All heavy atoms as atom14 arrays in JSON, in Angstrom:
{
  "sequence": "TPGMADLFVCGEDLLPQAQKAGNSIALKNLISLPEMTEKLKGA",
  "atom14_mask": [
    [1, 1, 1, 1, 1, 1, 1, 0, 0, 0, 0, 0, 0, 0],
    [1, 1, 1, 1, 1, 1, 1, 0, 0, 0, 0, 0, 0, 0],
    [1, 1, 1, 1, 0, 0, 0, 0, 0, 0, 0, 0, 0, 0],
    [1, 1, 1, 1, 1, 1, 1, 1, 0, 0, 0, 0, 0, 0],
    [1, 1, 1, 1, 1, 0, 0, 0, 0, 0, 0, 0, 0, 0],
    [1, 1, 1, 1, 1, 1, 1, 1, 0, 0, 0, 0, 0, 0],
    [1, 1, 1, 1, 1, 1, 1, 1, 0, 0, 0, 0, 0, 0],
    [1, 1, 1, 1, 1, 1, 1, 1, 1, 1, 1, 0, 0, 0],
    [1, 1, 1, 1, 1, 1, 1, 0, 0, 0, 0, 0, 0, 0],
    [1, 1, 1, 1, 1, 1, 0, 0, 0, 0, 0, 0, 0, 0],
    [1, 1, 1, 1, 0, 0, 0, 0, 0, 0, 0, 0, 0, 0],
    [1, 1, 1, 1, 1, 1, 1, 1, 1, 0, 0, 0, 0, 0],
    [1, 1, 1, 1, 1, 1, 1, 1, 0, 0, 0, 0, 0, 0],
    [1, 1, 1, 1, 1, 1, 1, 1, 0, 0, 0, 0, 0, 0],
    [1, 1, 1, 1, 1, 1, 1, 1, 0, 0, 0, 0, 0, 0],
    [1, 1, 1, 1, 1, 1, 1, 0, 0, 0, 0, 0, 0, 0],
    [1, 1, 1, 1, 1, 1, 1, 1, 1, 0, 0, 0, 0, 0],
    [1, 1, 1, 1, 1, 0, 0, 0, 0, 0, 0, 0, 0, 0],
    [1, 1, 1, 1, 1, 1, 1, 1, 1, 0, 0, 0, 0, 0],
    [1, 1, 1, 1, 1, 1, 1, 1, 1, 0, 0, 0, 0, 0],
    [1, 1, 1, 1, 1, 0, 0, 0, 0, 0, 0, 0, 0, 0],
    [1, 1, 1, 1, 0, 0, 0, 0, 0, 0, 0, 0, 0, 0],
    [1, 1, 1, 1, 1, 1, 1, 1, 0, 0, 0, 0, 0, 0],
    [1, 1, 1, 1, 1, 1, 0, 0, 0, 0, 0, 0, 0, 0],
    [1, 1, 1, 1, 1, 1, 1, 1, 0, 0, 0, 0, 0, 0],
    [1, 1, 1, 1, 1, 0, 0, 0, 0, 0, 0, 0, 0, 0],
    [1, 1, 1, 1, 1, 1, 1, 1, 0, 0, 0, 0, 0, 0],
    [1, 1, 1, 1, 1, 1, 1, 1, 1, 0, 0, 0, 0, 0],
    [1, 1, 1, 1, 1, 1, 1, 1, 0, 0, 0, 0, 0, 0],
    [1, 1, 1, 1, 1, 1, 1, 1, 0, 0, 0, 0, 0, 0],
    [1, 1, 1, 1, 1, 1, 1, 1, 0, 0, 0, 0, 0, 0],
    [1, 1, 1, 1, 1, 1, 0, 0, 0, 0, 0, 0, 0, 0],
    [1, 1, 1, 1, 1, 1, 1, 1, 0, 0, 0, 0, 0, 0],
    [1, 1, 1, 1, 1, 1, 1, 0, 0, 0, 0, 0, 0, 0],
    [1, 1, 1, 1, 1, 1, 1, 1, 1, 0, 0, 0, 0, 0],
    [1, 1, 1, 1, 1, 1, 1, 1, 0, 0, 0, 0, 0, 0],
    [1, 1, 1, 1, 1, 1, 1, 0, 0, 0, 0, 0, 0, 0],
    [1, 1, 1, 1, 1, 1, 1, 1, 1, 0, 0, 0, 0, 0],
    [1, 1, 1, 1, 1, 1, 1, 1, 1, 0, 0, 0, 0, 0],
    [1, 1, 1, 1, 1, 1, 1, 1, 0, 0, 0, 0, 0, 0],
    [1, 1, 1, 1, 1, 1, 1, 1, 1, 0, 0, 0, 0, 0],
    [1, 1, 1, 1, 0, 0, 0, 0, 0, 0, 0, 0, 0, 0],
    [1, 1, 1, 1, 1, 0, 0, 0, 0, 0, 0, 0, 0, 0]
  ],
  "atom14_positions": [
    [[-6.72, -21.15, -18.52], [-7.12, -20.86, -19.92], [-7.71, -19.49, -19.97], [-8.33, -19.02, -19.01], [-8.18, -21.93, -20.37], [-9.33, -21.89, -19.52], [-7.59, -23.31, -20.47], [0.0, 0.0, 0.0], [0.0, 0.0, 0.0], [0.0, 0.0, 0.0], [0.0, 0.0, 0.0], [0.0, 0.0, 0.0], [0.0, 0.0, 0.0], [0.0, 0.0, 0.0]],
    [[-7.58, -18.84, -21.1], [-8.18, -17.47, -21.25], [-9.68, -17.55, -20.96], [-10.38, -18.45, -21.4], [-7.91, -17.16, -22.72], [-6.68, -17.95, -23.09], [-6.84, -19.22, -22.32], [0.0, 0.0, 0.0], [0.0, 0.0, 0.0], [0.0, 0.0, 0.0], [0.0, 0.0, 0.0], [0.0, 0.0, 0.0], [0.0, 0.0, 0.0], [0.0, 0.0, 0.0]],
    [[-10.14, -16.53, -20.22], [-11.57, -16.47, -19.96], [-12.05, -17.26, -18.76], [-13.22, -17.12, -18.37], [0.0, 0.0, 0.0], [0.0, 0.0, 0.0], [0.0, 0.0, 0.0], [0.0, 0.0, 0.0], [0.0, 0.0, 0.0], [0.0, 0.0, 0.0], [0.0, 0.0, 0.0], [0.0, 0.0, 0.0], [0.0, 0.0, 0.0], [0.0, 0.0, 0.0]],
    [[-11.2, -18.06, -18.16], [-11.67, -18.86, -16.98], [-11.79, -18.07, -15.72], [-12.43, -18.48, -14.76], [-10.78, -20.09, -16.74], [-9.44, -19.77, -16.1], [-8.38, -21.26, -15.85], [-9.28, -22.14, -14.58], [0.0, 0.0, 0.0], [0.0, 0.0, 0.0], [0.0, 0.0, 0.0], [0.0, 0.0, 0.0], [0.0, 0.0, 0.0], [0.0, 0.0, 0.0]],
    [[-11.25, -16.82, -15.76], [-11.37, -15.93, -14.56], [-11.36, -14.49, -15.04], [-10.87, -14.22, -16.16], [-10.25, -16.18, -13.64], [0.0, 0.0, 0.0], [0.0, 0.0, 0.0], [0.0, 0.0, 0.0], [0.0, 0.0, 0.0], [0.0, 0.0, 0.0], [0.0, 0.0, 0.0], [0.0, 0.0, 0.0], [0.0, 0.0, 0.0], [0.0, 0.0, 0.0]],
    [[-11.85, -13.62, -14.2], [-11.8, -12.18, -14.52], [-10.46, -11.59, -14.13], [-10.05, -10.53, -14.6], [-12.93, -11.43, -13.79], [-14.26, -11.99, -14.17], [-14.55, -12.14, -15.38], [-15.08, -12.32, -13.25], [0.0, 0.0, 0.0], [0.0, 0.0, 0.0], [0.0, 0.0, 0.0], [0.0, 0.0, 0.0], [0.0, 0.0, 0.0], [0.0, 0.0, 0.0]],
    [[-9.77, -12.26, -13.18], [-8.46, -11.86, -12.68], [-7.65, -13.03, -12.31], [-8.14, -13.94, -11.64], [-8.63, -10.9, -11.47], [-7.35, -10.34, -10.87], [-6.66, -9.39, -11.8], [-7.67, -9.64, -9.55], [0.0, 0.0, 0.0], [0.0, 0.0, 0.0], [0.0, 0.0, 0.0], [0.0, 0.0, 0.0], [0.0, 0.0, 0.0], [0.0, 0.0, 0.0]],
    [[-6.39, -13.07, -12.72], [-5.45, -14.09, -12.37], [-4.44, -13.55, -11.39], [-3.97, -12.39, -11.58], [-4.73, -14.68, -13.6], [-5.65, -15.39, -14.53], [-6.24, -14.71, -15.63], [-5.94, -16.74, -14.4], [-7.08, -15.35, -16.49], [-6.76, -17.38, -15.25], [-7.38, -16.69, -16.32], [0.0, 0.0, 0.0], [0.0, 0.0, 0.0], [0.0, 0.0, 0.0]],
    [[-4.04, -14.34, -10.37], [-3.04, -13.94, -9.39], [-1.97, -15.0, -9.4], [-2.25, -16.19, -9.3], [-3.65, -13.8, -7.96], [-2.58, -13.39, -6.97], [-4.82, -12.84, -7.96], [0.0, 0.0, 0.0], [0.0, 0.0, 0.0], [0.0, 0.0, 0.0], [0.0, 0.0, 0.0], [0.0, 0.0, 0.0], [0.0, 0.0, 0.0], [0.0, 0.0, 0.0]],
    [[-0.72, -14.54, -9.51], [0.42, -15.49, -9.55], [1.67, -14.79, -9.04], [1.66, -13.59, -8.71], [0.64, -15.98, -10.98], [1.06, -14.65, -12.13], [0.0, 0.0, 0.0], [0.0, 0.0, 0.0], [0.0, 0.0, 0.0], [0.0, 0.0, 0.0], [0.0, 0.0, 0.0], [0.0, 0.0, 0.0], [0.0, 0.0, 0.0], [0.0, 0.0, 0.0]],
    [[2.77, -15.55, -9.02], [4.09, -14.99, -8.7], [4.62, -14.22, -9.87], [4.2, -14.45, -11.03], [0.0, 0.0, 0.0], [0.0, 0.0, 0.0], [0.0, 0.0, 0.0], [0.0, 0.0, 0.0], [0.0, 0.0, 0.0], [0.0, 0.0, 0.0], [0.0, 0.0, 0.0], [0.0, 0.0, 0.0], [0.0, 0.0, 0.0], [0.0, 0.0, 0.0]],
    [[5.54, -13.3, -9.64], [6.09, -12.49, -10.72], [6.67, -13.34, -11.84], [6.63, -12.97, -12.99], [7.16, -11.54, -10.14], [6.58, -10.42, -9.36], [7.62, -9.41, -8.92], [8.77, -9.82, -8.72], [7.24, -8.25, -8.78], [0.0, 0.0, 0.0], [0.0, 0.0, 0.0], [0.0, 0.0, 0.0], [0.0, 0.0, 0.0], [0.0, 0.0, 0.0]],
    [[7.23, -14.5, -11.49], [7.87, -15.34, -12.51], [6.86, -15.89, -13.51], [7.3, -16.22, -14.66], [8.63, -16.51, -11.83], [7.74, -17.36, -10.99], [6.81, -16.84, -10.33], [8.01, -18.57, -10.87], [0.0, 0.0, 0.0], [0.0, 0.0, 0.0], [0.0, 0.0, 0.0], [0.0, 0.0, 0.0], [0.0, 0.0, 0.0], [0.0, 0.0, 0.0]],
    [[5.61, -16.0, -13.17], [4.59, -16.53, -14.07], [3.67, -15.47, -14.7], [2.76, -15.81, -15.44], [3.72, -17.57, -13.3], [4.48, -18.76, -12.68], [3.51, -19.64, -11.95], [5.18, -19.53, -13.78], [0.0, 0.0, 0.0], [0.0, 0.0, 0.0], [0.0, 0.0, 0.0], [0.0, 0.0, 0.0], [0.0, 0.0, 0.0], [0.0, 0.0, 0.0]],
    [[4.0, -14.19, -14.48], [3.16, -13.13, -15.01], [2.96, -13.19, -16.54], [1.84, -12.99, -16.97], [3.63, -11.74, -14.52], [2.74, -10.57, -14.95], [1.34, -10.72, -14.38], [3.4, -9.26, -14.54], [0.0, 0.0, 0.0], [0.0, 0.0, 0.0], [0.0, 0.0, 0.0], [0.0, 0.0, 0.0], [0.0, 0.0, 0.0], [0.0, 0.0, 0.0]],
    [[4.03, -13.45, -17.29], [3.78, -13.46, -18.77], [2.75, -14.48, -19.18], [1.91, -14.24, -20.08], [5.19, -13.86, -19.32], [6.14, -13.35, -18.27], [5.45, -13.59, -16.97], [0.0, 0.0, 0.0], [0.0, 0.0, 0.0], [0.0, 0.0, 0.0], [0.0, 0.0, 0.0], [0.0, 0.0, 0.0], [0.0, 0.0, 0.0], [0.0, 0.0, 0.0]],
    [[2.73, -15.65, -18.54], [1.7, -16.7, -18.87], [0.33, -16.2, -18.39], [-0.67, -16.4, -19.09], [2.04, -18.02, -18.18], [3.25, -18.69, -18.78], [4.54, -18.34, -18.05], [4.74, -17.24, -17.58], [5.44, -19.33, -17.92], [0.0, 0.0, 0.0], [0.0, 0.0, 0.0], [0.0, 0.0, 0.0], [0.0, 0.0, 0.0], [0.0, 0.0, 0.0]],
    [[0.26, -15.57, -17.27], [-1.01, -15.07, -16.76], [-1.6, -14.03, -17.66], [-2.76, -14.01, -17.94], [-0.84, -14.53, -15.3], [0.0, 0.0, 0.0], [0.0, 0.0, 0.0], [0.0, 0.0, 0.0], [0.0, 0.0, 0.0], [0.0, 0.0, 0.0], [0.0, 0.0, 0.0], [0.0, 0.0, 0.0], [0.0, 0.0, 0.0], [0.0, 0.0, 0.0]],
    [[-0.74, -13.13, -18.16], [-1.22, -12.0, -19.04], [-1.82, -12.57, -20.31], [-2.67, -11.97, -20.92], [-0.13, -11.04, -19.29], [0.21, -10.23, -18.04], [1.42, -9.34, -18.18], [2.39, -9.68, -18.87], [1.39, -8.17, -17.47], [0.0, 0.0, 0.0], [0.0, 0.0, 0.0], [0.0, 0.0, 0.0], [0.0, 0.0, 0.0], [0.0, 0.0, 0.0]],
    [[-1.35, -13.68, -20.77], [-1.89, -14.34, -21.99], [-3.32, -14.79, -21.72], [-4.12, -14.9, -22.67], [-1.03, -15.55, -22.43], [0.33, -15.14, -22.99], [1.16, -16.35, -23.35], [2.59, -15.94, -23.66], [3.44, -17.12, -23.74], [0.0, 0.0, 0.0], [0.0, 0.0, 0.0], [0.0, 0.0, 0.0], [0.0, 0.0, 0.0], [0.0, 0.0, 0.0]],
    [[-3.61, -15.1, -20.47], [-4.95, -15.62, -20.14], [-5.93, -14.54, -19.81], [-7.12, -14.75, -19.87], [-4.83, -16.62, -18.97], [0.0, 0.0, 0.0], [0.0, 0.0, 0.0], [0.0, 0.0, 0.0], [0.0, 0.0, 0.0], [0.0, 0.0, 0.0], [0.0, 0.0, 0.0], [0.0, 0.0, 0.0], [0.0, 0.0, 0.0], [0.0, 0.0, 0.0]],
    [[-5.42, -13.34, -19.41], [-6.33, -12.26, -19.07], [-5.75, -11.29, -18.09], [-4.55, -11.28, -17.91], [0.0, 0.0, 0.0], [0.0, 0.0, 0.0], [0.0, 0.0, 0.0], [0.0, 0.0, 0.0], [0.0, 0.0, 0.0], [0.0, 0.0, 0.0], [0.0, 0.0, 0.0], [0.0, 0.0, 0.0], [0.0, 0.0, 0.0], [0.0, 0.0, 0.0]],
    [[-6.58, -10.49, -17.44], [-6.16, -9.53, -16.46], [-5.44, -10.26, -15.35], [-5.94, -11.25, -14.84], [-7.38, -8.74, -15.86], [-8.01, -7.85, -16.92], [-7.36, -7.31, -17.78], [-9.35, -7.69, -16.81], [0.0, 0.0, 0.0], [0.0, 0.0, 0.0], [0.0, 0.0, 0.0], [0.0, 0.0, 0.0], [0.0, 0.0, 0.0], [0.0, 0.0, 0.0]],
    [[-4.31, -9.71, -14.94], [-3.47, -10.38, -14.0], [-2.73, -9.43, -13.03], [-2.44, -8.32, -13.39], [-2.35, -11.15, -14.76], [-2.89, -11.9, -15.81], [0.0, 0.0, 0.0], [0.0, 0.0, 0.0], [0.0, 0.0, 0.0], [0.0, 0.0, 0.0], [0.0, 0.0, 0.0], [0.0, 0.0, 0.0], [0.0, 0.0, 0.0], [0.0, 0.0, 0.0]],
    [[-2.49, -9.95, -11.86], [-1.57, -9.26, -10.9], [-0.54, -10.28, -10.43], [-0.82, -11.47, -10.33], [-2.37, -8.68, -9.66], [-3.13, -9.69, -8.94], [-3.23, -7.5, -10.14], [-3.79, -9.17, -7.66], [0.0, 0.0, 0.0], [0.0, 0.0, 0.0], [0.0, 0.0, 0.0], [0.0, 0.0, 0.0], [0.0, 0.0, 0.0], [0.0, 0.0, 0.0]],
    [[0.66, -9.81, -10.21], [1.72, -10.63, -9.76], [2.21, -10.21, -8.41], [2.27, -9.06, -8.08], [2.89, -10.57, -10.8], [0.0, 0.0, 0.0], [0.0, 0.0, 0.0], [0.0, 0.0, 0.0], [0.0, 0.0, 0.0], [0.0, 0.0, 0.0], [0.0, 0.0, 0.0], [0.0, 0.0, 0.0], [0.0, 0.0, 0.0], [0.0, 0.0, 0.0]],
    [[2.61, -11.22, -7.59], [3.12, -10.95, -6.27], [4.59, -11.24, -6.18], [5.06, -12.26, -6.68], [2.37, -11.87, -5.27], [0.84, -11.79, -5.23], [0.28, -12.85, -4.3], [0.39, -10.41, -4.85], [0.0, 0.0, 0.0], [0.0, 0.0, 0.0], [0.0, 0.0, 0.0], [0.0, 0.0, 0.0], [0.0, 0.0, 0.0], [0.0, 0.0, 0.0]],
    [[5.33, -10.35, -5.45], [6.73, -10.6, -5.18], [6.83, -11.7, -4.14], [7.66, -12.58, -4.22], [7.43, -9.35, -4.66], [7.73, -8.28, -5.68], [8.44, -7.14, -4.98], [8.9, -6.0, -5.83], [8.1, -5.57, -6.92], [0.0, 0.0, 0.0], [0.0, 0.0, 0.0], [0.0, 0.0, 0.0], [0.0, 0.0, 0.0], [0.0, 0.0, 0.0]],
    [[5.97, -11.62, -3.1], [5.95, -12.55, -2.0], [4.6, -13.26, -2.02], [3.61, -12.66, -1.65], [6.19, -11.82, -0.68], [6.16, -12.74, 0.55], [5.77, -13.89, 0.45], [6.6, -12.22, 1.66], [0.0, 0.0, 0.0], [0.0, 0.0, 0.0], [0.0, 0.0, 0.0], [0.0, 0.0, 0.0], [0.0, 0.0, 0.0], [0.0, 0.0, 0.0]],
    [[4.58, -14.48, -2.4], [3.33, -15.24, -2.62], [2.48, -15.31, -1.37], [1.24, -15.47, -1.47], [3.6, -16.65, -3.13], [4.33, -16.74, -4.46], [4.48, -18.18, -4.91], [3.6, -15.97, -5.55], [0.0, 0.0, 0.0], [0.0, 0.0, 0.0], [0.0, 0.0, 0.0], [0.0, 0.0, 0.0], [0.0, 0.0, 0.0], [0.0, 0.0, 0.0]],
    [[3.09, -15.27, -0.18], [2.29, -15.46, 1.06], [2.11, -14.17, 1.85], [1.67, -14.21, 2.96], [2.93, -16.53, 1.93], [4.33, -16.21, 2.33], [2.83, -17.91, 1.23], [4.94, -17.1, 3.37], [0.0, 0.0, 0.0], [0.0, 0.0, 0.0], [0.0, 0.0, 0.0], [0.0, 0.0, 0.0], [0.0, 0.0, 0.0], [0.0, 0.0, 0.0]],
    [[2.36, -13.02, 1.19], [2.21, -11.73, 1.86], [0.78, -11.23, 1.77], [0.32, -10.85, 0.69], [3.16, -10.71, 1.25], [2.85, -9.43, 1.74], [0.0, 0.0, 0.0], [0.0, 0.0, 0.0], [0.0, 0.0, 0.0], [0.0, 0.0, 0.0], [0.0, 0.0, 0.0], [0.0, 0.0, 0.0], [0.0, 0.0, 0.0], [0.0, 0.0, 0.0]],
    [[0.07, -11.22, 2.88], [-1.29, -10.69, 2.91], [-1.33, -9.18, 2.62], [-2.16, -8.75, 1.82], [-1.97, -11.01, 4.24], [-3.42, -10.55, 4.38], [-4.34, -11.08, 3.3], [-3.96, -10.94, 5.8], [0.0, 0.0, 0.0], [0.0, 0.0, 0.0], [0.0, 0.0, 0.0], [0.0, 0.0, 0.0], [0.0, 0.0, 0.0], [0.0, 0.0, 0.0]],
    [[-0.4, -8.43, 3.2], [-0.39, -6.98, 2.85], [-0.23, -6.69, 1.39], [-0.86, -5.84, 0.81], [0.74, -6.38, 3.71], [0.9, -7.36, 4.82], [0.56, -8.7, 4.28], [0.0, 0.0, 0.0], [0.0, 0.0, 0.0], [0.0, 0.0, 0.0], [0.0, 0.0, 0.0], [0.0, 0.0, 0.0], [0.0, 0.0, 0.0], [0.0, 0.0, 0.0]],
    [[0.68, -7.44, 0.73], [0.91, -7.26, -0.68], [-0.34, -7.66, -1.49], [-0.73, -6.96, -2.41], [2.13, -8.02, -1.19], [2.42, -7.76, -2.66], [3.6, -8.58, -3.22], [4.17, -9.43, -2.49], [3.89, -8.43, -4.38], [0.0, 0.0, 0.0], [0.0, 0.0, 0.0], [0.0, 0.0, 0.0], [0.0, 0.0, 0.0], [0.0, 0.0, 0.0]],
    [[-0.95, -8.78, -1.15], [-2.14, -9.23, -1.84], [-3.23, -8.16, -1.69], [-3.88, -7.82, -2.69], [-2.66, -10.55, -1.22], [-3.97, -11.06, -1.76], [-3.89, -11.63, -3.44], [-3.21, -13.3, -3.14], [0.0, 0.0, 0.0], [0.0, 0.0, 0.0], [0.0, 0.0, 0.0], [0.0, 0.0, 0.0], [0.0, 0.0, 0.0], [0.0, 0.0, 0.0]],
    [[-3.42, -7.62, -0.48], [-4.39, -6.59, -0.27], [-4.15, -5.35, -1.13], [-5.11, -4.85, -1.76], [-4.47, -6.23, 1.24], [-4.7, -7.37, 2.01], [-5.58, -5.22, 1.51], [0.0, 0.0, 0.0], [0.0, 0.0, 0.0], [0.0, 0.0, 0.0], [0.0, 0.0, 0.0], [0.0, 0.0, 0.0], [0.0, 0.0, 0.0], [0.0, 0.0, 0.0]],
    [[-2.92, -4.91, -1.18], [-2.59, -3.71, -2.0], [-2.85, -3.97, -3.48], [-3.39, -3.11, -4.19], [-1.11, -3.3, -1.77], [-0.9, -2.51, -0.52], [-1.79, -1.25, -0.46], [-1.76, -0.45, -1.42], [-2.48, -1.09, 0.58], [0.0, 0.0, 0.0], [0.0, 0.0, 0.0], [0.0, 0.0, 0.0], [0.0, 0.0, 0.0], [0.0, 0.0, 0.0]],
    [[-2.42, -5.16, -3.97], [-2.6, -5.45, -5.38], [-4.11, -5.57, -5.73], [-4.54, -5.12, -6.77], [-1.85, -6.74, -5.77], [-0.35, -6.68, -5.6], [0.3, -5.92, -6.79], [1.78, -5.7, -6.59], [2.64, -6.78, -7.02], [0.0, 0.0, 0.0], [0.0, 0.0, 0.0], [0.0, 0.0, 0.0], [0.0, 0.0, 0.0], [0.0, 0.0, 0.0]],
    [[-4.92, -6.15, -4.81], [-6.32, -6.25, -5.09], [-6.99, -4.89, -5.03], [-7.91, -4.6, -5.82], [-6.98, -7.2, -4.08], [-6.69, -8.67, -4.31], [-7.27, -9.52, -3.21], [-7.19, -9.17, -5.68], [0.0, 0.0, 0.0], [0.0, 0.0, 0.0], [0.0, 0.0, 0.0], [0.0, 0.0, 0.0], [0.0, 0.0, 0.0], [0.0, 0.0, 0.0]],
    [[-6.53, -4.04, -4.15], [-7.08, -2.65, -4.12], [-6.92, -2.0, -5.48], [-7.84, -1.37, -5.96], [-6.29, -1.78, -3.11], [-6.84, -1.73, -1.7], [-5.94, -0.81, -0.9], [-6.55, -0.44, 0.4], [-5.62, 0.38, 1.2], [0.0, 0.0, 0.0], [0.0, 0.0, 0.0], [0.0, 0.0, 0.0], [0.0, 0.0, 0.0], [0.0, 0.0, 0.0]],
    [[-5.77, -2.18, -6.07], [-5.48, -1.61, -7.37], [-6.38, -2.27, -8.45], [-6.97, -1.56, -9.27], [0.0, 0.0, 0.0], [0.0, 0.0, 0.0], [0.0, 0.0, 0.0], [0.0, 0.0, 0.0], [0.0, 0.0, 0.0], [0.0, 0.0, 0.0], [0.0, 0.0, 0.0], [0.0, 0.0, 0.0], [0.0, 0.0, 0.0], [0.0, 0.0, 0.0]],
    [[-6.5, -3.54, -8.39], [-7.28, -4.29, -9.41], [-8.76, -3.9, -9.34], [-9.43, -3.85, -10.36], [-7.15, -5.77, -9.22], [0.0, 0.0, 0.0], [0.0, 0.0, 0.0], [0.0, 0.0, 0.0], [0.0, 0.0, 0.0], [0.0, 0.0, 0.0], [0.0, 0.0, 0.0], [0.0, 0.0, 0.0], [0.0, 0.0, 0.0], [0.0, 0.0, 0.0]]
  ]
}
């Protein structure tokens, strides 16, 4: 729900729903630690 978090993290396929809820980052590979780290650095 909107406001339940300051940042939402999901797969690319769910990014439109995440963006409706708030600030979001999407992952190409859900289990990639390097990708998660890079996206969080940006956030």
